[in-house]
């Protein structure tokens, strides 16, 4: 397991920092935990992060949205979330949405086409 380290060089007493965890494959926010510093020297502390954690606070999300962390830019973005909804392809076949994003951008429709089959 990869460990990231943040060194705090100020003179303040020990404090806890918040680490935000995200799914390694999708980047979706999955939780947070408090990280306690370990003494490194006089007044210095080391805060160890686990793999797929960041100190960057995610954005607030509205209903139907999720926060996604982009490791390439080390930034959070907000993405629409239609997972577990049923949308329809161009032939009228139902499709269960299993990833975040806008199904309309993938060519799916919320309602089946008129006169097309639905099974």
PDB file of N, CA and C in Angstrom:
ATOM      1  N   UNK A   1       0.842  -1.189   0.000  1.00  0.00           N
ATOM      2  CA  UNK A   1       0.000   0.000   0.000  1.00  0.00           C
ATOM      3  C   UNK A   1       0.882   1.245   0.000  1.00  0.00           C
ATOM      4  N   UNK A   2       0.637   2.131  -0.915  1.00  0.00           N
ATOM      5  CA  UNK A   2       1.384   3.377  -1.058  1.00  0.00           C
ATOM      6  C   UNK A   2       0.996   4.341   0.058  1.00  0.00           C
ATOM      7  N   UNK A   3       1.970   5.013   0.643  1.00  0.00           N
ATOM      8  CA  UNK A   3       1.711   5.987   1.686  1.00  0.00           C
ATOM      9  C   UNK A   3       2.232   7.338   1.248  1.00  0.00           C
ATOM     10  N   UNK A   4       1.394   8.346   1.336  1.00  0.00           N
ATOM     11  CA  UNK A   4       1.798   9.715   1.044  1.00  0.00           C
ATOM     12  C   UNK A   4       2.073  10.415   2.361  1.00  0.00           C
ATOM     13  N   UNK A   5       2.967  11.365   2.353  1.00  0.00           N
ATOM     14  CA  UNK A   5       3.354  12.044   3.581  1.00  0.00           C
ATOM     15  C   UNK A   5       3.223  13.547   3.412  1.00  0.00           C
ATOM     16  N   UNK A   6       2.696  14.181   4.453  1.00  0.00           N
ATOM     17  CA  UNK A   6       2.652  15.643   4.475  1.00  0.00           C
ATOM     18  C   UNK A   6       3.388  16.093   5.734  1.00  0.00           C
ATOM     19  N   UNK A   7       4.315  16.993   5.594  1.00  0.00           N
ATOM     20  CA  UNK A   7       5.078  17.472   6.746  1.00  0.00           C
ATOM     21  C   UNK A   7       4.578  18.848   7.133  1.00  0.00           C
ATOM     22  N   UNK A   8       4.260  19.008   8.402  1.00  0.00           N
ATOM     23  CA  UNK A   8       3.777  20.270   8.948  1.00  0.00           C
ATOM     24  C   UNK A   8       4.928  20.899   9.724  1.00  0.00           C
ATOM     25  N   UNK A   9       5.435  22.027   9.268  1.00  0.00           N
ATOM     26  CA  UNK A   9       6.624  22.632   9.871  1.00  0.00           C
ATOM     27  C   UNK A   9       6.315  23.802  10.804  1.00  0.00           C
ATOM     28  N   UNK A  10       5.048  24.001  11.136  1.00  0.00           N
ATOM     29  CA  UNK A  10       4.774  25.150  12.003  1.00  0.00           C
ATOM     30  C   UNK A  10       4.932  24.765  13.476  1.00  0.00           C
ATOM     31  N   UNK A  11       4.845  25.740  14.333  1.00  0.00           N
ATOM     32  CA  UNK A  11       5.091  25.545  15.765  1.00  0.00           C
ATOM     33  C   UNK A  11       3.830  25.228  16.564  1.00  0.00           C
ATOM     34  N   UNK A  12       2.705  25.040  15.897  1.00  0.00           N
ATOM     35  CA  UNK A  12       1.465  24.766  16.619  1.00  0.00           C
ATOM     36  C   UNK A  12       1.503  23.391  17.275  1.00  0.00           C
ATOM     37  N   UNK A  13       0.731  23.201  18.345  1.00  0.00           N
ATOM     38  CA  UNK A  13       0.673  21.876  18.958  1.00  0.00           C
ATOM     39  C   UNK A  13       0.007  20.881  18.001  1.00  0.00           C
ATOM     40  N   UNK A  14       0.089  19.615  18.350  1.00  0.00           N
ATOM     41  CA  UNK A  14      -0.469  18.574  17.485  1.00  0.00           C
ATOM     42  C   UNK A  14      -1.919  18.879  17.147  1.00  0.00           C
ATOM     43  N   UNK A  15      -2.273  18.636  15.916  1.00  0.00           N
ATOM     44  CA  UNK A  15      -3.646  18.832  15.456  1.00  0.00           C
ATOM     45  C   UNK A  15      -4.006  17.675  14.542  1.00  0.00           C
ATOM     46  N   UNK A  16      -5.272  17.507  14.316  1.00  0.00           N
ATOM     47  CA  UNK A  16      -5.704  16.474  13.385  1.00  0.00           C
ATOM     48  C   UNK A  16      -6.098  17.144  12.074  1.00  0.00           C
ATOM     49  N   UNK A  17      -5.857  16.461  10.999  1.00  0.00           N
ATOM     50  CA  UNK A  17      -6.225  16.931   9.677  1.00  0.00           C
ATOM     51  C   UNK A  17      -7.231  15.950   9.085  1.00  0.00           C
ATOM     52  N   UNK A  18      -8.023  16.401   8.148  1.00  0.00           N
ATOM     53  CA  UNK A  18      -9.002  15.533   7.498  1.00  0.00           C
ATOM     54  C   UNK A  18      -8.441  15.025   6.186  1.00  0.00           C
ATOM     55  N   UNK A  19      -8.501  13.703   6.010  1.00  0.00           N
ATOM     56  CA  UNK A  19      -8.117  13.072   4.739  1.00  0.00           C
ATOM     57  C   UNK A  19      -9.398  12.609   4.061  1.00  0.00           C
ATOM     58  N   UNK A  20      -9.529  12.911   2.784  1.00  0.00           N
ATOM     59  CA  UNK A  20     -10.717  12.556   2.000  1.00  0.00           C
ATOM     60  C   UNK A  20     -10.375  11.355   1.131  1.00  0.00           C
ATOM     61  N   UNK A  21     -11.126  10.267   1.282  1.00  0.00           N
ATOM     62  CA  UNK A  21     -10.879   9.030   0.529  1.00  0.00           C
ATOM     63  C   UNK A  21     -11.748   8.993  -0.724  1.00  0.00           C
ATOM     64  N   UNK A  22     -11.172   8.449  -1.790  1.00  0.00           N
ATOM     65  CA  UNK A  22     -11.892   8.323  -3.053  1.00  0.00           C
ATOM     66  C   UNK A  22     -11.615   6.948  -3.648  1.00  0.00           C
ATOM     67  N   UNK A  23     -12.550   6.468  -4.450  1.00  0.00           N
ATOM     68  CA  UNK A  23     -12.396   5.183  -5.120  1.00  0.00           C
ATOM     69  C   UNK A  23     -11.264   5.278  -6.131  1.00  0.00           C
ATOM     70  N   UNK A  24     -10.354   4.309  -6.104  1.00  0.00           N
ATOM     71  CA  UNK A  24      -9.194   4.351  -6.983  1.00  0.00           C
ATOM     72  C   UNK A  24      -9.518   4.236  -8.461  1.00  0.00           C
ATOM     73  N   UNK A  25     -10.604   3.550  -8.807  1.00  0.00           N
ATOM     74  CA  UNK A  25     -10.960   3.376 -10.223  1.00  0.00           C
ATOM     75  C   UNK A  25     -11.778   4.537 -10.758  1.00  0.00           C
ATOM     76  N   UNK A  26     -12.786   4.965 -10.005  1.00  0.00           N
ATOM     77  CA  UNK A  26     -13.705   5.995 -10.503  1.00  0.00           C
ATOM     78  C   UNK A  26     -13.400   7.396  -9.978  1.00  0.00           C
ATOM     79  N   UNK A  27     -12.693   7.504  -8.860  1.00  0.00           N
ATOM     80  CA  UNK A  27     -12.424   8.804  -8.242  1.00  0.00           C
ATOM     81  C   UNK A  27     -13.562   9.315  -7.373  1.00  0.00           C
ATOM     82  N   UNK A  28     -14.638   8.547  -7.231  1.00  0.00           N
ATOM     83  CA  UNK A  28     -15.806   8.980  -6.465  1.00  0.00           C
ATOM     84  C   UNK A  28     -15.475   9.056  -4.978  1.00  0.00           C
ATOM     85  N   UNK A  29     -15.879  10.152  -4.355  1.00  0.00           N
ATOM     86  CA  UNK A  29     -15.693  10.344  -2.920  1.00  0.00           C
ATOM     87  C   UNK A  29     -16.369   9.210  -2.160  1.00  0.00           C
ATOM     88  N   UNK A  30     -15.621   8.569  -1.237  1.00  0.00           N
ATOM     89  CA  UNK A  30     -16.219   7.493  -0.446  1.00  0.00           C
ATOM     90  C   UNK A  30     -16.186   7.750   1.054  1.00  0.00           C
ATOM     91  N   UNK A  31     -15.516   8.796   1.495  1.00  0.00           N
ATOM     92  CA  UNK A  31     -15.535   9.091   2.925  1.00  0.00           C
ATOM     93  C   UNK A  31     -14.375   9.965   3.344  1.00  0.00           C
ATOM     94  N   UNK A  32     -14.265  10.088   4.648  1.00  0.00           N
ATOM     95  CA  UNK A  32     -13.171  10.886   5.212  1.00  0.00           C
ATOM     96  C   UNK A  32     -12.733  10.259   6.522  1.00  0.00           C
ATOM     97  N   UNK A  33     -11.535  10.642   6.979  1.00  0.00           N
ATOM     98  CA  UNK A  33     -11.038  10.199   8.276  1.00  0.00           C
ATOM     99  C   UNK A  33     -10.115  11.267   8.829  1.00  0.00           C
ATOM    100  N   UNK A  34      -9.945  11.229  10.120  1.00  0.00           N
ATOM    101  CA  UNK A  34      -9.054  12.170  10.786  1.00  0.00           C
ATOM    102  C   UNK A  34      -7.654  11.563  10.821  1.00  0.00           C
ATOM    103  N   UNK A  35      -6.659  12.365  10.483  1.00  0.00           N
ATOM    104  CA  UNK A  35      -5.262  11.921  10.458  1.00  0.00           C
ATOM    105  C   UNK A  35      -4.527  12.644  11.578  1.00  0.00           C
ATOM    106  N   UNK A  36      -3.854  11.876  12.423  1.00  0.00           N
ATOM    107  CA  UNK A  36      -3.091  12.441  13.535  1.00  0.00           C
ATOM    108  C   UNK A  36      -1.616  12.492  13.154  1.00  0.00           C
ATOM    109  N   UNK A  37      -0.974  13.594  13.471  1.00  0.00           N
ATOM    110  CA  UNK A  37       0.437  13.755  13.135  1.00  0.00           C
ATOM    111  C   UNK A  37       1.338  12.992  14.076  1.00  0.00           C
ATOM    112  N   UNK A  38       2.460  12.554  13.543  1.00  0.00           N
ATOM    113  CA  UNK A  38       3.487  11.891  14.338  1.00  0.00           C
ATOM    114  C   UNK A  38       4.636  12.887  14.512  1.00  0.00           C
ATOM    115  N   UNK A  39       5.198  12.942  15.717  1.00  0.00           N
ATOM    116  CA  UNK A  39       6.296  13.876  15.962  1.00  0.00           C
ATOM    117  C   UNK A  39       7.483  13.497  15.081  1.00  0.00           C
ATOM    118  N   UNK A  40       8.040  14.508  14.410  1.00  0.00           N
ATOM    119  CA  UNK A  40       9.154  14.315  13.500  1.00  0.00           C
ATOM    120  C   UNK A  40      10.407  15.023  14.007  1.00  0.00           C
ATOM    121  N   UNK A  41      10.220  16.060  14.712  1.00  0.00           N
ATOM    122  CA  UNK A  41      11.317  16.868  15.251  1.00  0.00           C
ATOM    123  C   UNK A  41      10.696  17.894  16.174  1.00  0.00           C
ATOM    124  N   UNK A  42      11.424  18.871  16.550  1.00  0.00           N
ATOM    125  CA  UNK A  42      10.882  19.906  17.435  1.00  0.00           C
ATOM    126  C   UNK A  42       9.868  20.732  16.655  1.00  0.00           C
ATOM    127  N   UNK A  43       8.602  20.607  17.029  1.00  0.00           N
ATOM    128  CA  UNK A  43       7.544  21.376  16.390  1.00  0.00           C
ATOM    129  C   UNK A  43       7.105  20.844  15.034  1.00  0.00           C
ATOM    130  N   UNK A  44       7.723  19.781  14.552  1.00  0.00           N
ATOM    131  CA  UNK A  44       7.366  19.237  13.238  1.00  0.00           C
ATOM    132  C   UNK A  44       6.530  17.978  13.408  1.00  0.00           C
ATOM    133  N   UNK A  45       5.611  17.771  12.480  1.00  0.00           N
ATOM    134  CA  UNK A  45       4.763  16.576  12.492  1.00  0.00           C
ATOM    135  C   UNK A  45       4.665  16.017  11.083  1.00  0.00           C
ATOM    136  N   UNK A  46       4.503  14.707  10.992  1.00  0.00           N
ATOM    137  CA  UNK A  46       4.279  14.030   9.719  1.00  0.00           C
ATOM    138  C   UNK A  46       2.863  13.465   9.744  1.00  0.00           C
ATOM    139  N   UNK A  47       2.125  13.716   8.686  1.00  0.00           N
ATOM    140  CA  UNK A  47       0.773  13.177   8.532  1.00  0.00           C
ATOM    141  C   UNK A  47       0.819  12.178   7.369  1.00  0.00           C
ATOM    142  N   UNK A  48       0.487  10.923   7.648  1.00  0.00           N
ATOM    143  CA  UNK A  48       0.561   9.876   6.628  1.00  0.00           C
ATOM    144  C   UNK A  48      -0.822   9.640   6.017  1.00  0.00           C
ATOM    145  N   UNK A  49      -0.872   9.672   4.690  1.00  0.00           N
ATOM    146  CA  UNK A  49      -2.106   9.390   3.966  1.00  0.00           C
ATOM    147  C   UNK A  49      -2.010   8.022   3.316  1.00  0.00           C
ATOM    148  N   UNK A  50      -3.129   7.335   3.257  1.00  0.00           N
ATOM    149  CA  UNK A  50      -3.184   6.061   2.558  1.00  0.00           C
ATOM    150  C   UNK A  50      -3.353   6.328   1.062  1.00  0.00           C
ATOM    151  N   UNK A  51      -3.177   5.264   0.290  1.00  0.00           N
ATOM    152  CA  UNK A  51      -3.407   5.389  -1.145  1.00  0.00           C
ATOM    153  C   UNK A  51      -4.860   5.796  -1.364  1.00  0.00           C
ATOM    154  N   UNK A  52      -5.113   6.607  -2.360  1.00  0.00           N
ATOM    155  CA  UNK A  52      -6.442   7.114  -2.711  1.00  0.00           C
ATOM    156  C   UNK A  52      -7.036   8.003  -1.625  1.00  0.00           C
ATOM    157  N   UNK A  53      -6.197   8.804  -1.011  1.00  0.00           N
ATOM    158  CA  UNK A  53      -6.629   9.834  -0.073  1.00  0.00           C
ATOM    159  C   UNK A  53      -5.968  11.148  -0.454  1.00  0.00           C
ATOM    160  N   UNK A  54      -6.638  12.233  -0.110  1.00  0.00           N
ATOM    161  CA  UNK A  54      -6.103  13.563  -0.364  1.00  0.00           C
ATOM    162  C   UNK A  54      -6.509  14.487   0.774  1.00  0.00           C
ATOM    163  N   UNK A  55      -5.754  15.544   0.951  1.00  0.00           N
ATOM    164  CA  UNK A  55      -6.102  16.575   1.935  1.00  0.00           C
ATOM    165  C   UNK A  55      -6.983  17.648   1.309  1.00  0.00           C
ATOM    166  N   UNK A  56      -7.137  17.609  -0.017  1.00  0.00           N
ATOM    167  CA  UNK A  56      -7.979  18.589  -0.712  1.00  0.00           C
ATOM    168  C   UNK A  56      -9.446  18.322  -0.381  1.00  0.00           C
ATOM    169  N   UNK A  57     -10.132  19.325   0.119  1.00  0.00           N
ATOM    170  CA  UNK A  57     -11.551  19.157   0.470  1.00  0.00           C
ATOM    171  C   UNK A  57     -12.410  19.102  -0.786  1.00  0.00           C
ATOM    172  N   UNK A  58     -13.340  18.126  -0.849  1.00  0.00           N
ATOM    173  CA  UNK A  58     -14.200  18.024  -2.035  1.00  0.00           C
ATOM    174  C   UNK A  58     -15.253  19.130  -2.061  1.00  0.00           C
ATOM    175  N   UNK A  59     -15.813  19.414  -3.231  1.00  0.00           N
ATOM    176  CA  UNK A  59     -16.863  20.437  -3.323  1.00  0.00           C
ATOM    177  C   UNK A  59     -18.171  19.913  -2.731  1.00  0.00           C
ATOM    178  N   UNK A  60     -19.024  20.819  -2.347  1.00  0.00           N
ATOM    179  CA  UNK A  60     -20.367  20.423  -1.902  1.00  0.00           C
ATOM    180  C   UNK A  60     -21.148  19.973  -3.129  1.00  0.00           C
ATOM    181  N   UNK A  61     -21.992  18.969  -2.940  1.00  0.00           N
ATOM    182  CA  UNK A  61     -22.775  18.455  -4.067  1.00  0.00           C
ATOM    183  C   UNK A  61     -24.263  18.598  -3.775  1.00  0.00           C
ATOM    184  N   UNK A  62     -25.013  18.714  -4.827  1.00  0.00           N
ATOM    185  CA  UNK A  62     -26.480  18.771  -4.744  1.00  0.00           C
ATOM    186  C   UNK A  62     -27.012  17.351  -4.902  1.00  0.00           C
ATOM    187  N   UNK A  63     -28.313  17.175  -4.709  1.00  0.00           N
ATOM    188  CA  UNK A  63     -28.942  15.878  -4.952  1.00  0.00           C
ATOM    189  C   UNK A  63     -28.720  15.500  -6.407  1.00  0.00           C
ATOM    190  N   UNK A  64     -28.370  14.257  -6.668  1.00  0.00           N
ATOM    191  CA  UNK A  64     -28.130  13.805  -8.035  1.00  0.00           C
ATOM    192  C   UNK A  64     -26.733  14.094  -8.548  1.00  0.00           C
ATOM    193  N   UNK A  65     -25.802  14.452  -7.655  1.00  0.00           N
ATOM    194  CA  UNK A  65     -24.417  14.725  -8.030  1.00  0.00           C
ATOM    195  C   UNK A  65     -23.480  13.985  -7.086  1.00  0.00           C
ATOM    196  N   UNK A  66     -22.256  13.746  -7.538  1.00  0.00           N
ATOM    197  CA  UNK A  66     -21.205  13.194  -6.693  1.00  0.00           C
ATOM    198  C   UNK A  66     -19.916  13.967  -6.945  1.00  0.00           C
ATOM    199  N   UNK A  67     -19.042  13.962  -5.942  1.00  0.00           N
ATOM    200  CA  UNK A  67     -17.716  14.562  -6.100  1.00  0.00           C
ATOM    201  C   UNK A  67     -16.773  13.481  -6.614  1.00  0.00           C
ATOM    202  N   UNK A  68     -15.968  13.841  -7.622  1.00  0.00           N
ATOM    203  CA  UNK A  68     -15.017  12.913  -8.232  1.00  0.00           C
ATOM    204  C   UNK A  68     -13.634  13.561  -8.205  1.00  0.00           C
ATOM    205  N   UNK A  69     -12.644  12.814  -7.707  1.00  0.00           N
ATOM    206  CA  UNK A  69     -11.280  13.322  -7.628  1.00  0.00           C
ATOM    207  C   UNK A  69     -10.510  12.886  -8.867  1.00  0.00           C
ATOM    208  N   UNK A  70      -9.888  13.855  -9.555  1.00  0.00           N
ATOM    209  CA  UNK A  70      -9.070  13.579 -10.730  1.00  0.00           C
ATOM    210  C   UNK A  70      -7.609  13.578 -10.301  1.00  0.00           C
ATOM    211  N   UNK A  71      -7.004  12.404 -10.257  1.00  0.00           N
ATOM    212  CA  UNK A  71      -5.618  12.308  -9.780  1.00  0.00           C
ATOM    213  C   UNK A  71      -4.633  13.026 -10.694  1.00  0.00           C
ATOM    214  N   UNK A  72      -4.921  13.097 -11.988  1.00  0.00           N
ATOM    215  CA  UNK A  72      -3.986  13.747 -12.910  1.00  0.00           C
ATOM    216  C   UNK A  72      -3.820  15.228 -12.614  1.00  0.00           C
ATOM    217  N   UNK A  73      -4.904  15.872 -12.177  1.00  0.00           N
ATOM    218  CA  UNK A  73      -4.834  17.311 -11.870  1.00  0.00           C
ATOM    219  C   UNK A  73      -4.870  17.584 -10.375  1.00  0.00           C
ATOM    220  N   UNK A  74      -5.124  16.532  -9.569  1.00  0.00           N
ATOM    221  CA  UNK A  74      -5.239  16.645  -8.107  1.00  0.00           C
ATOM    222  C   UNK A  74      -6.367  17.614  -7.721  1.00  0.00           C
ATOM    223  N   UNK A  75      -7.464  17.582  -8.495  1.00  0.00           N
ATOM    224  CA  UNK A  75      -8.613  18.447  -8.245  1.00  0.00           C
ATOM    225  C   UNK A  75      -9.890  17.623  -8.160  1.00  0.00           C
ATOM    226  N   UNK A  76     -10.872  18.143  -7.419  1.00  0.00           N
ATOM    227  CA  UNK A  76     -12.206  17.553  -7.352  1.00  0.00           C
ATOM    228  C   UNK A  76     -13.096  18.213  -8.398  1.00  0.00           C
ATOM    229  N   UNK A  77     -14.012  17.441  -8.970  1.00  0.00           N
ATOM    230  CA  UNK A  77     -15.054  17.984  -9.843  1.00  0.00           C
ATOM    231  C   UNK A  77     -16.392  17.427  -9.375  1.00  0.00           C
ATOM    232  N   UNK A  78     -17.470  18.043  -9.813  1.00  0.00           N
ATOM    233  CA  UNK A  78     -18.817  17.569  -9.520  1.00  0.00           C
ATOM    234  C   UNK A  78     -19.385  16.951 -10.787  1.00  0.00           C
ATOM    235  N   UNK A  79     -19.952  15.737 -10.662  1.00  0.00           N
ATOM    236  CA  UNK A  79     -20.475  14.997 -11.813  1.00  0.00           C
ATOM    237  C   UNK A  79     -21.900  14.557 -11.497  1.00  0.00           C
ATOM    238  N   UNK A  80     -22.783  14.605 -12.508  1.00  0.00           N
ATOM    239  CA  UNK A  80     -24.157  14.130 -12.302  1.00  0.00           C
ATOM    240  C   UNK A  80     -24.137  12.622 -12.071  1.00  0.00           C
ATOM    241  N   UNK A  81     -25.082  12.150 -11.255  1.00  0.00           N
ATOM    242  CA  UNK A  81     -25.110  10.742 -10.863  1.00  0.00           C
ATOM    243  C   UNK A  81     -26.485  10.149 -11.156  1.00  0.00           C
ATOM    244  N   UNK A  82     -26.539   9.287 -12.170  1.00  0.00           N
ATOM    245  CA  UNK A  82     -27.787   8.606 -12.533  1.00  0.00           C
ATOM    246  C   UNK A  82     -27.676   7.098 -12.301  1.00  0.00           C
ATOM    247  N   UNK A  83     -26.700   6.674 -11.485  1.00  0.00           N
ATOM    248  CA  UNK A  83     -26.537   5.240 -11.243  1.00  0.00           C
ATOM    249  C   UNK A  83     -27.829   4.639 -10.687  1.00  0.00           C
ATOM    250  N   UNK A  84     -28.085   3.415 -11.069  1.00  0.00           N
ATOM    251  CA  UNK A  84     -29.269   2.599 -10.734  1.00  0.00           C
ATOM    252  C   UNK A  84     -30.574   3.127 -11.326  1.00  0.00           C
ATOM    253  N   UNK A  85     -30.506   4.061 -12.250  1.00  0.00           N
ATOM    254  CA  UNK A  85     -31.685   4.491 -12.996  1.00  0.00           C
ATOM    255  C   UNK A  85     -31.763   3.669 -14.284  1.00  0.00           C
ATOM    256  N   UNK A  86     -32.965   3.553 -14.817  1.00  0.00           N
ATOM    257  CA  UNK A  86     -33.166   2.864 -16.091  1.00  0.00           C
ATOM    258  C   UNK A  86     -33.328   3.919 -17.182  1.00  0.00           C
ATOM    259  N   UNK A  87     -32.483   3.849 -18.218  1.00  0.00           N
ATOM    260  CA  UNK A  87     -32.571   4.687 -19.400  1.00  0.00           C
ATOM    261  C   UNK A  87     -32.746   3.752 -20.592  1.00  0.00           C
ATOM    262  N   UNK A  88     -32.992   4.290 -21.764  1.00  0.00           N
ATOM    263  CA  UNK A  88     -33.284   3.461 -22.922  1.00  0.00           C
ATOM    264  C   UNK A  88     -32.348   3.785 -24.080  1.00  0.00           C
ATOM    265  N   UNK A  89     -31.935   2.708 -24.799  1.00  0.00           N
ATOM    266  CA  UNK A  89     -31.083   2.917 -25.970  1.00  0.00           C
ATOM    267  C   UNK A  89     -31.943   3.283 -27.175  1.00  0.00           C
ATOM    268  N   UNK A  90     -31.315   3.479 -28.322  1.00  0.00           N
ATOM    269  CA  UNK A  90     -32.046   3.954 -29.504  1.00  0.00           C
ATOM    270  C   UNK A  90     -33.067   2.941 -30.018  1.00  0.00           C
ATOM    271  N   UNK A  91     -32.933   1.674 -29.640  1.00  0.00           N
ATOM    272  CA  UNK A  91     -33.899   0.655 -30.043  1.00  0.00           C
ATOM    273  C   UNK A  91     -35.014   0.473 -29.010  1.00  0.00           C
ATOM    274  N   UNK A  92     -34.916   1.172 -27.896  1.00  0.00           N
ATOM    275  CA  UNK A  92     -35.936   1.068 -26.860  1.00  0.00           C
ATOM    276  C   UNK A  92     -35.634   0.054 -25.779  1.00  0.00           C
ATOM    277  N   UNK A  93     -34.443  -0.541 -25.816  1.00  0.00           N
ATOM    278  CA  UNK A  93     -34.076  -1.506 -24.786  1.00  0.00           C
ATOM    279  C   UNK A  93     -33.639  -0.777 -23.511  1.00  0.00           C
ATOM    280  N   UNK A  94     -34.112  -1.256 -22.348  1.00  0.00           N
ATOM    281  CA  UNK A  94     -33.734  -0.615 -21.090  1.00  0.00           C
ATOM    282  C   UNK A  94     -32.265  -0.877 -20.749  1.00  0.00           C
ATOM    283  N   UNK A  95     -31.627   0.132 -20.182  1.00  0.00           N
ATOM    284  CA  UNK A  95     -30.225   0.049 -19.780  1.00  0.00           C
ATOM    285  C   UNK A  95     -30.101   0.532 -18.336  1.00  0.00           C
ATOM    286  N   UNK A  96     -29.571  -0.326 -17.466  1.00  0.00           N
ATOM    287  CA  UNK A  96     -29.335   0.067 -16.078  1.00  0.00           C
ATOM    288  C   UNK A  96     -28.030   0.857 -16.031  1.00  0.00           C
ATOM    289  N   UNK A  97     -28.083   2.069 -15.513  1.00  0.00           N
ATOM    290  CA  UNK A  97     -26.901   2.939 -15.456  1.00  0.00           C
ATOM    291  C   UNK A  97     -26.030   2.499 -14.284  1.00  0.00           C
ATOM    292  N   UNK A  98     -24.752   2.256 -14.568  1.00  0.00           N
ATOM    293  CA  UNK A  98     -23.835   1.765 -13.554  1.00  0.00           C
ATOM    294  C   UNK A  98     -22.617   2.635 -13.320  1.00  0.00           C
ATOM    295  N   UNK A  99     -22.567   3.802 -13.948  1.00  0.00           N
ATOM    296  CA  UNK A  99     -21.443   4.716 -13.748  1.00  0.00           C
ATOM    297  C   UNK A  99     -21.957   6.142 -13.698  1.00  0.00           C
ATOM    298  N   UNK A 100     -21.145   7.030 -13.161  1.00  0.00           N
ATOM    299  CA  UNK A 100     -21.562   8.430 -13.067  1.00  0.00           C
ATOM    300  C   UNK A 100     -21.374   9.115 -14.411  1.00  0.00           C
ATOM    301  N   UNK A 101     -22.103  10.183 -14.609  1.00  0.00           N
ATOM    302  CA  UNK A 101     -22.054  10.931 -15.857  1.00  0.00           C
ATOM    303  C   UNK A 101     -23.459  11.091 -16.406  1.00  0.00           C
ATOM    304  N   UNK A 102     -23.564  11.753 -17.537  1.00  0.00           N
ATOM    305  CA  UNK A 102     -24.859  12.027 -18.149  1.00  0.00           C
ATOM    306  C   UNK A 102     -25.172  10.988 -19.225  1.00  0.00           C
ATOM    307  N   UNK A 103     -26.148  10.096 -18.989  1.00  0.00           N
ATOM    308  CA  UNK A 103     -26.484   9.071 -19.987  1.00  0.00           C
ATOM    309  C   UNK A 103     -26.909   9.648 -21.336  1.00  0.00           C
ATOM    310  N   UNK A 104     -27.431  10.862 -21.352  1.00  0.00           N
ATOM    311  CA  UNK A 104     -27.809  11.486 -22.630  1.00  0.00           C
ATOM    312  C   UNK A 104     -26.576  11.682 -23.515  1.00  0.00           C
ATOM    313  N   UNK A 105     -25.417  11.931 -22.905  1.00  0.00           N
ATOM    314  CA  UNK A 105     -24.178  12.081 -23.665  1.00  0.00           C
ATOM    315  C   UNK A 105     -23.722  10.756 -24.268  1.00  0.00           C
ATOM    316  N   UNK A 106     -24.240   9.644 -23.767  1.00  0.00           N
ATOM    317  CA  UNK A 106     -23.889   8.308 -24.288  1.00  0.00           C
ATOM    318  C   UNK A 106     -24.937   7.825 -25.286  1.00  0.00           C
ATOM    319  N   UNK A 107     -25.888   8.702 -25.632  1.00  0.00           N
ATOM    320  CA  UNK A 107     -26.914   8.352 -26.609  1.00  0.00           C
ATOM    321  C   UNK A 107     -28.138   7.671 -26.019  1.00  0.00           C
ATOM    322  N   UNK A 108     -28.284   7.692 -24.709  1.00  0.00           N
ATOM    323  CA  UNK A 108     -29.445   7.077 -24.065  1.00  0.00           C
ATOM    324  C   UNK A 108     -30.532   8.113 -23.823  1.00  0.00           C
ATOM    325  N   UNK A 109     -31.767   7.640 -23.719  1.00  0.00           N
ATOM    326  CA  UNK A 109     -32.926   8.513 -23.483  1.00  0.00           C
ATOM    327  C   UNK A 109     -33.617   8.072 -22.196  1.00  0.00           C
ATOM    328  N   UNK A 110     -34.216   9.037 -21.495  1.00  0.00           N
ATOM    329  CA  UNK A 110     -34.933   8.742 -20.260  1.00  0.00           C
ATOM    330  C   UNK A 110     -36.233   7.994 -20.546  1.00  0.00           C
ATOM    331  N   UNK A 111     -36.834   8.262 -21.695  1.00  0.00           N
ATOM    332  CA  UNK A 111     -38.066   7.579 -22.124  1.00  0.00           C
ATOM    333  C   UNK A 111     -37.766   6.770 -23.382  1.00  0.00           C
ATOM    334  N   UNK A 112     -38.384   5.605 -23.540  1.00  0.00           N
ATOM    335  CA  UNK A 112     -38.145   4.829 -24.761  1.00  0.00           C
ATOM    336  C   UNK A 112     -38.741   5.540 -25.975  1.00  0.00           C
ATOM    337  N   UNK A 113     -38.145   5.326 -27.152  1.00  0.00           N
ATOM    338  CA  UNK A 113     -38.699   5.923 -28.369  1.00  0.00           C
ATOM    339  C   UNK A 113     -40.128   5.410 -28.608  1.00  0.00           C
ATOM    340  N   UNK A 114     -40.982   6.241 -29.136  1.00  0.00           N
ATOM    341  CA  UNK A 114     -42.361   5.848 -29.417  1.00  0.00           C
ATOM    342  C   UNK A 114     -42.382   4.687 -30.407  1.00  0.00           C
ATOM    343  N   UNK A 115     -43.227   3.698 -30.119  1.00  0.00           N
ATOM    344  CA  UNK A 115     -43.400   2.557 -31.019  1.00  0.00           C
ATOM    345  C   UNK A 115     -42.277   1.553 -30.975  1.00  0.00           C
ATOM    346  N   UNK A 116     -41.257   1.781 -30.162  1.00  0.00           N
ATOM    347  CA  UNK A 116     -40.151   0.819 -30.062  1.00  0.00           C
ATOM    348  C   UNK A 116     -40.426  -0.158 -28.935  1.00  0.00           C
ATOM    349  N   UNK A 117     -39.762  -1.273 -28.970  1.00  0.00           N
ATOM    350  CA  UNK A 117     -39.995  -2.324 -27.984  1.00  0.00           C
ATOM    351  C   UNK A 117     -39.331  -2.000 -26.659  1.00  0.00           C
ATOM    352  N   UNK A 118     -39.928  -2.452 -25.578  1.00  0.00           N
ATOM    353  CA  UNK A 118     -39.396  -2.299 -24.228  1.00  0.00           C
ATOM    354  C   UNK A 118     -39.477  -3.654 -23.549  1.00  0.00           C
ATOM    355  N   UNK A 119     -38.332  -4.250 -23.282  1.00  0.00           N
ATOM    356  CA  UNK A 119     -38.331  -5.540 -22.603  1.00  0.00           C
ATOM    357  C   UNK A 119     -37.352  -5.533 -21.473  1.00  0.00           C
TER     358      UNK A 119
END
